[in-house]
């Protein structure tokens, strides 16, 4: 193996980690805003904002994923989506503990 081959593999590992972590960050933002809007709906306060937040949340998520796939390709989209699912699992576990 040459040094260039190992450098290419290391770069791939870094890219995979970066896309997974960006997906986790997007997912954390998504699920925190979901929690916020559910709390507002339960408390019957700011109902208009609580109903508009899901639209904005979905539009932002769809826009981010569309930009990722158009600029970086399908692998980046799949890894980012996997990161979002990881944050979903964490949010579900966190919600069960409360």
C-alpha atoms as a PDB file:
ATOM      1  CA  UNK A   1       0.000   0.000   0.000  1.00  0.00           C
ATOM      2  CA  UNK A   2       1.190   3.410  -0.795  1.00  0.00           C
ATOM      3  CA  UNK A   3       0.841   6.492   1.325  1.00  0.00           C
ATOM      4  CA  UNK A   4      -1.638   7.951  -1.149  1.00  0.00           C
ATOM      5  CA  UNK A   5      -3.964   4.983  -0.815  1.00  0.00           C
ATOM      6  CA  UNK A   6      -4.002   5.262   2.970  1.00  0.00           C
ATOM      7  CA  UNK A   7      -4.576   8.993   2.755  1.00  0.00           C
ATOM      8  CA  UNK A   8      -7.592   8.382   0.518  1.00  0.00           C
ATOM      9  CA  UNK A   9      -9.076   5.933   3.025  1.00  0.00           C
ATOM     10  CA  UNK A  10      -8.468   8.344   5.896  1.00  0.00           C
ATOM     11  CA  UNK A  11     -10.144  11.119   3.931  1.00  0.00           C
ATOM     12  CA  UNK A  12     -13.148   8.864   3.310  1.00  0.00           C
ATOM     13  CA  UNK A  13     -13.413   8.123   7.036  1.00  0.00           C
ATOM     14  CA  UNK A  14     -13.291  11.849   7.806  1.00  0.00           C
ATOM     15  CA  UNK A  15     -15.989  12.573   5.214  1.00  0.00           C
ATOM     16  CA  UNK A  16     -18.236   9.812   6.553  1.00  0.00           C
ATOM     17  CA  UNK A  17     -17.836  11.148  10.085  1.00  0.00           C
ATOM     18  CA  UNK A  18     -18.517  14.691   8.954  1.00  0.00           C
ATOM     19  CA  UNK A  19     -21.735  13.771   7.124  1.00  0.00           C
ATOM     20  CA  UNK A  20     -22.965  11.606   9.997  1.00  0.00           C
ATOM     21  CA  UNK A  21     -22.273  14.352  12.519  1.00  0.00           C
ATOM     22  CA  UNK A  22     -23.967  16.973  10.345  1.00  0.00           C
ATOM     23  CA  UNK A  23     -27.005  14.704  10.189  1.00  0.00           C
ATOM     24  CA  UNK A  24     -26.984  14.352  13.962  1.00  0.00           C
ATOM     25  CA  UNK A  25     -26.835  18.141  14.356  1.00  0.00           C
ATOM     26  CA  UNK A  26     -29.694  18.642  11.892  1.00  0.00           C
ATOM     27  CA  UNK A  27     -31.694  15.978  13.713  1.00  0.00           C
ATOM     28  CA  UNK A  28     -31.042  17.491  17.137  1.00  0.00           C
ATOM     29  CA  UNK A  29     -32.281  20.862  15.880  1.00  0.00           C
ATOM     30  CA  UNK A  30     -35.310  19.207  14.282  1.00  0.00           C
ATOM     31  CA  UNK A  31     -36.342  17.268  17.361  1.00  0.00           C
ATOM     32  CA  UNK A  32     -35.707  20.131  19.775  1.00  0.00           C
ATOM     33  CA  UNK A  33     -37.995  22.374  17.742  1.00  0.00           C
ATOM     34  CA  UNK A  34     -40.532  19.538  17.620  1.00  0.00           C
ATOM     35  CA  UNK A  35     -40.459  19.325  21.404  1.00  0.00           C
ATOM     36  CA  UNK A  36     -40.830  23.103  21.646  1.00  0.00           C
ATOM     37  CA  UNK A  37     -43.884  23.171  19.378  1.00  0.00           C
ATOM     38  CA  UNK A  38     -45.533  20.257  21.226  1.00  0.00           C
ATOM     39  CA  UNK A  39     -45.048  22.070  24.537  1.00  0.00           C
ATOM     40  CA  UNK A  40     -46.677  25.174  23.072  1.00  0.00           C
ATOM     41  CA  UNK A  41     -49.619  23.152  21.766  1.00  0.00           C
ATOM     42  CA  UNK A  42     -50.129  21.413  25.109  1.00  0.00           C
ATOM     43  CA  UNK A  43     -49.989  24.700  27.011  1.00  0.00           C
ATOM     44  CA  UNK A  44     -52.384  26.406  24.525  1.00  0.00           C
ATOM     45  CA  UNK A  45     -50.019  29.322  24.048  1.00  0.00           C
ATOM     46  CA  UNK A  46     -48.885  30.848  20.770  1.00  0.00           C
ATOM     47  CA  UNK A  47     -51.026  28.451  18.769  1.00  0.00           C
ATOM     48  CA  UNK A  48     -50.295  30.124  15.437  1.00  0.00           C
ATOM     49  CA  UNK A  49     -46.551  29.794  15.985  1.00  0.00           C
ATOM     50  CA  UNK A  50     -46.981  26.240  17.217  1.00  0.00           C
ATOM     51  CA  UNK A  51     -48.814  25.352  14.008  1.00  0.00           C
ATOM     52  CA  UNK A  52     -46.359  27.142  11.728  1.00  0.00           C
ATOM     53  CA  UNK A  53     -43.255  25.593  13.279  1.00  0.00           C
ATOM     54  CA  UNK A  54     -43.835  22.148  11.727  1.00  0.00           C
ATOM     55  CA  UNK A  55     -44.090  23.716   8.275  1.00  0.00           C
ATOM     56  CA  UNK A  56     -40.879  25.642   8.757  1.00  0.00           C
ATOM     57  CA  UNK A  57     -39.156  22.627  10.241  1.00  0.00           C
ATOM     58  CA  UNK A  58     -40.106  20.400   7.312  1.00  0.00           C
ATOM     59  CA  UNK A  59     -39.221  23.068   4.746  1.00  0.00           C
ATOM     60  CA  UNK A  60     -35.807  23.591   6.332  1.00  0.00           C
ATOM     61  CA  UNK A  61     -35.132  19.856   6.486  1.00  0.00           C
ATOM     62  CA  UNK A  62     -36.187  19.303   2.874  1.00  0.00           C
ATOM     63  CA  UNK A  63     -34.140  22.291   1.727  1.00  0.00           C
ATOM     64  CA  UNK A  64     -31.020  21.163   3.559  1.00  0.00           C
ATOM     65  CA  UNK A  65     -31.296  17.632   2.213  1.00  0.00           C
ATOM     66  CA  UNK A  66     -31.914  18.917  -1.312  1.00  0.00           C
ATOM     67  CA  UNK A  67     -28.812  21.125  -1.149  1.00  0.00           C
ATOM     68  CA  UNK A  68     -26.736  18.250   0.212  1.00  0.00           C
ATOM     69  CA  UNK A  69     -27.774  15.825  -2.518  1.00  0.00           C
ATOM     70  CA  UNK A  70     -27.418  18.373  -5.304  1.00  0.00           C
ATOM     71  CA  UNK A  71     -23.940  19.535  -4.288  1.00  0.00           C
ATOM     72  CA  UNK A  72     -22.392  16.460  -2.694  1.00  0.00           C
ATOM     73  CA  UNK A  73     -24.258  13.443  -4.046  1.00  0.00           C
ATOM     74  CA  UNK A  74     -26.213  10.474  -2.847  1.00  0.00           C
ATOM     75  CA  UNK A  75     -23.638   9.150  -0.391  1.00  0.00           C
ATOM     76  CA  UNK A  76     -23.664  12.423   1.526  1.00  0.00           C
ATOM     77  CA  UNK A  77     -27.474  12.350   1.553  1.00  0.00           C
ATOM     78  CA  UNK A  78     -27.560   8.793   2.877  1.00  0.00           C
ATOM     79  CA  UNK A  79     -25.017   9.501   5.596  1.00  0.00           C
ATOM     80  CA  UNK A  80     -26.764  12.699   6.663  1.00  0.00           C
ATOM     81  CA  UNK A  81     -30.089  10.876   6.787  1.00  0.00           C
ATOM     82  CA  UNK A  82     -28.474   8.140   8.882  1.00  0.00           C
ATOM     83  CA  UNK A  83     -27.280  10.838  11.285  1.00  0.00           C
ATOM     84  CA  UNK A  84     -30.818  12.204  11.502  1.00  0.00           C
ATOM     85  CA  UNK A  85     -32.083   8.723  12.355  1.00  0.00           C
ATOM     86  CA  UNK A  86     -29.421   8.395  15.063  1.00  0.00           C
ATOM     87  CA  UNK A  87     -30.639  11.636  16.628  1.00  0.00           C
ATOM     88  CA  UNK A  88     -34.219  10.355  16.308  1.00  0.00           C
ATOM     89  CA  UNK A  89     -33.303   7.250  18.264  1.00  0.00           C
ATOM     90  CA  UNK A  90     -31.620   9.395  20.911  1.00  0.00           C
ATOM     91  CA  UNK A  91     -34.663  11.683  21.117  1.00  0.00           C
ATOM     92  CA  UNK A  92     -36.972   8.685  21.517  1.00  0.00           C
ATOM     93  CA  UNK A  93     -34.802   7.259  24.314  1.00  0.00           C
ATOM     94  CA  UNK A  94     -34.621  10.656  25.996  1.00  0.00           C
ATOM     95  CA  UNK A  95     -38.398  11.030  25.782  1.00  0.00           C
ATOM     96  CA  UNK A  96     -38.985   7.655  27.402  1.00  0.00           C
ATOM     97  CA  UNK A  97     -36.840   8.572  30.371  1.00  0.00           C
ATOM     98  CA  UNK A  98     -38.847  11.698  31.127  1.00  0.00           C
END
